[in-house]
Protein backbone atom coordinates (compact mmCIF):
# COMPACT_ATOMS: atom_id res chain seq x y z
CA MET A 1 7.31 7.94 -12.94
CA ASN A 2 4.41 7.80 -10.49
CA LYS A 3 2.16 10.83 -10.47
CA ARG A 4 -0.23 11.83 -7.74
CA LYS A 5 -3.78 10.84 -8.44
CA HIS A 6 -5.19 13.55 -6.15
CA LYS A 7 -4.04 17.10 -5.50
CA ARG A 8 -2.51 17.72 -2.06
CA GLN A 9 -4.06 20.39 0.12
CA LEU A 10 -1.92 22.35 2.53
CA VAL A 11 -3.78 22.53 5.80
CA ASP A 12 -3.40 24.59 8.90
CA TYR A 13 -1.84 22.31 11.46
CA ILE A 14 -4.54 20.04 12.84
CA ASP A 15 -3.83 18.43 16.18
CA PHE A 16 -4.56 14.75 16.62
CA SER A 17 -4.34 12.50 19.62
CA ASP A 18 -3.88 8.81 20.18
CA LEU A 19 -2.25 7.33 17.10
CA CYS A 20 -3.08 3.66 17.73
CA LEU A 21 -2.65 0.38 15.92
CA SER A 22 -6.09 -0.64 14.60
CA GLU A 23 -5.66 -4.33 15.32
CA ASP A 24 -4.95 -4.19 19.04
CA THR A 25 -5.43 -0.47 19.88
CA GLU A 26 -1.84 -0.24 21.17
CA LYS A 27 -0.98 3.45 21.39
CA ILE A 28 1.97 4.50 19.23
CA CYS A 29 1.86 8.23 19.85
CA LYS A 30 0.11 10.55 22.31
CA HIS A 31 -0.35 13.46 19.91
CA GLY A 32 0.95 15.17 16.78
CA LYS A 33 -0.19 17.28 13.83
CA ILE A 34 -1.64 16.67 10.39
CA ILE A 35 0.44 18.88 8.11
CA ASP A 36 -0.77 17.87 4.64
CA ALA A 37 -3.83 16.09 3.25
CA SER A 38 -5.45 14.82 0.07
CA VAL A 39 -8.44 12.69 -0.86
CA SER A 40 -6.19 9.63 -0.71
CA GLY A 41 -4.49 10.26 2.64
CA PHE A 42 -2.66 12.59 4.97
CA LEU A 43 0.80 13.40 6.28
CA ILE A 44 1.36 13.62 10.01
CA GLU A 45 4.27 14.95 12.02
CA ILE A 46 5.17 13.62 15.43
CA HIS A 47 7.99 14.29 17.85
CA ARG A 48 10.00 11.54 19.51
CA ASP A 49 8.93 12.74 22.99
CA ASN A 50 5.29 11.97 22.11
CA LEU A 51 5.96 8.35 21.13
CA SER A 52 4.38 5.98 23.64
CA ARG A 53 6.55 2.91 23.18
CA HIS A 54 10.05 2.95 24.66
CA GLN A 55 11.58 1.06 21.72
CA ASP A 56 10.24 3.69 19.26
CA ARG A 57 11.73 6.56 21.26
CA GLN A 58 15.15 4.85 21.10
CA ASN A 59 15.22 4.46 17.28
CA LEU A 60 15.94 6.83 14.43
CA SER A 61 13.48 4.96 12.24
CA LEU A 62 9.82 4.05 12.46
CA ASP A 63 9.95 1.97 9.26
CA HIS A 64 8.68 -1.08 11.17
CA LEU A 65 5.26 0.68 11.19
CA VAL A 66 4.97 0.76 7.37
CA GLY A 67 2.02 -1.40 6.37
CA GLU A 68 0.28 -1.14 9.77
CA TYR A 69 -3.35 -0.02 9.98
CA VAL A 70 -3.81 2.85 12.44
CA ASN A 71 -6.47 5.13 13.93
CA ILE A 72 -6.06 8.74 14.95
CA PHE A 73 -8.51 11.00 16.75
CA LEU A 74 -9.07 14.65 15.76
CA PRO A 75 -10.39 16.33 18.92
CA GLN A 76 -11.33 19.62 17.16
CA MET A 77 -13.65 17.70 14.83
CA ASN A 78 -14.56 14.84 17.23
CA LEU A 79 -13.56 12.46 14.44
CA ASP A 80 -11.65 9.20 14.16
CA LEU A 81 -9.66 8.55 10.98
CA GLU A 82 -8.38 5.15 9.90
CA GLY A 83 -5.67 4.36 7.41
CA LYS A 84 -2.54 2.41 6.57
CA ILE A 85 0.94 3.78 7.15
CA HIS A 86 2.48 4.07 3.71
CA ARG A 87 5.84 5.64 4.55
CA CYS A 88 7.90 6.99 7.47
CA GLN A 89 10.70 9.50 7.44
CA HIS A 90 12.95 10.87 10.18
CA LYS A 91 13.25 14.61 9.52
CA GLY A 92 15.92 15.23 12.16
CA GLN A 93 15.92 16.62 15.69
CA GLY A 94 13.49 13.93 16.86
CA THR A 95 10.78 14.74 14.32
CA PHE A 96 9.13 12.06 12.18
CA GLN A 97 6.69 12.33 9.29
CA LEU A 98 4.33 9.47 8.46
CA GLY A 99 2.32 9.22 5.26
CA ILE A 100 -1.01 7.50 5.89
CA LYS A 101 -3.43 6.33 3.17
CA PHE A 102 -7.11 6.29 4.04
CA SER A 103 -8.66 2.85 4.42
CA SER A 104 -10.19 1.54 1.22
CA ASP A 105 -13.61 1.20 2.87
CA ILE A 106 -13.91 4.99 3.35
CA PRO A 107 -15.95 6.31 0.39
CA GLU A 108 -14.22 8.85 -1.84
CA TYR A 109 -17.10 11.32 -1.58
CA TRP A 110 -16.67 11.32 2.21
CA ARG A 111 -12.93 11.97 1.85
CA GLU A 112 -13.67 14.85 -0.57
CA CYS A 113 -16.09 16.37 1.97
CA LEU A 114 -13.43 16.06 4.68
CA MET A 115 -10.96 17.99 2.50
CA ASP A 116 -13.52 20.81 2.23
CA LEU A 117 -13.80 20.96 6.03
CA LEU A 118 -10.07 21.04 6.82
CA PRO A 119 -8.77 24.57 7.51
CA TYR A 120 -6.28 26.05 5.05
CA PRO A 121 -3.20 27.91 6.37
CA GLY A 122 -4.12 31.20 7.99
CA GLU A 123 -7.88 30.59 7.89
CA PHE A 124 -8.24 31.09 11.63
CA GLU A 125 -5.58 33.75 12.24
CA GLU A 126 -6.58 36.47 14.64
CA HIS A 127 -6.94 39.93 13.11
């Protein structure tokens, strides 16, 4: 049985924009949310309406993206993240979750620092 190498961190939803293929910068998705993160990668959630390509909006699967290198932009942090799509899952009602592993050239210490900066659920709730 495979065990996680790094502990997952629940994060407050973090908006991202412009999920693009790294190779040709073709936009896959206009925006979505990071819903889970670890030192090795992150889990994003996107809605079918935010998919840029017509053929993706017509399918119940985004499995053809597995193995693709992608970039996403985090506007709140003014930060680009790069990784490889590891898995895709249709969660129903037009919602997809994609597991993305950080690129191997991103140092682990940098990824650990990023985890410290990501907000945990409720951190920014108004009182």
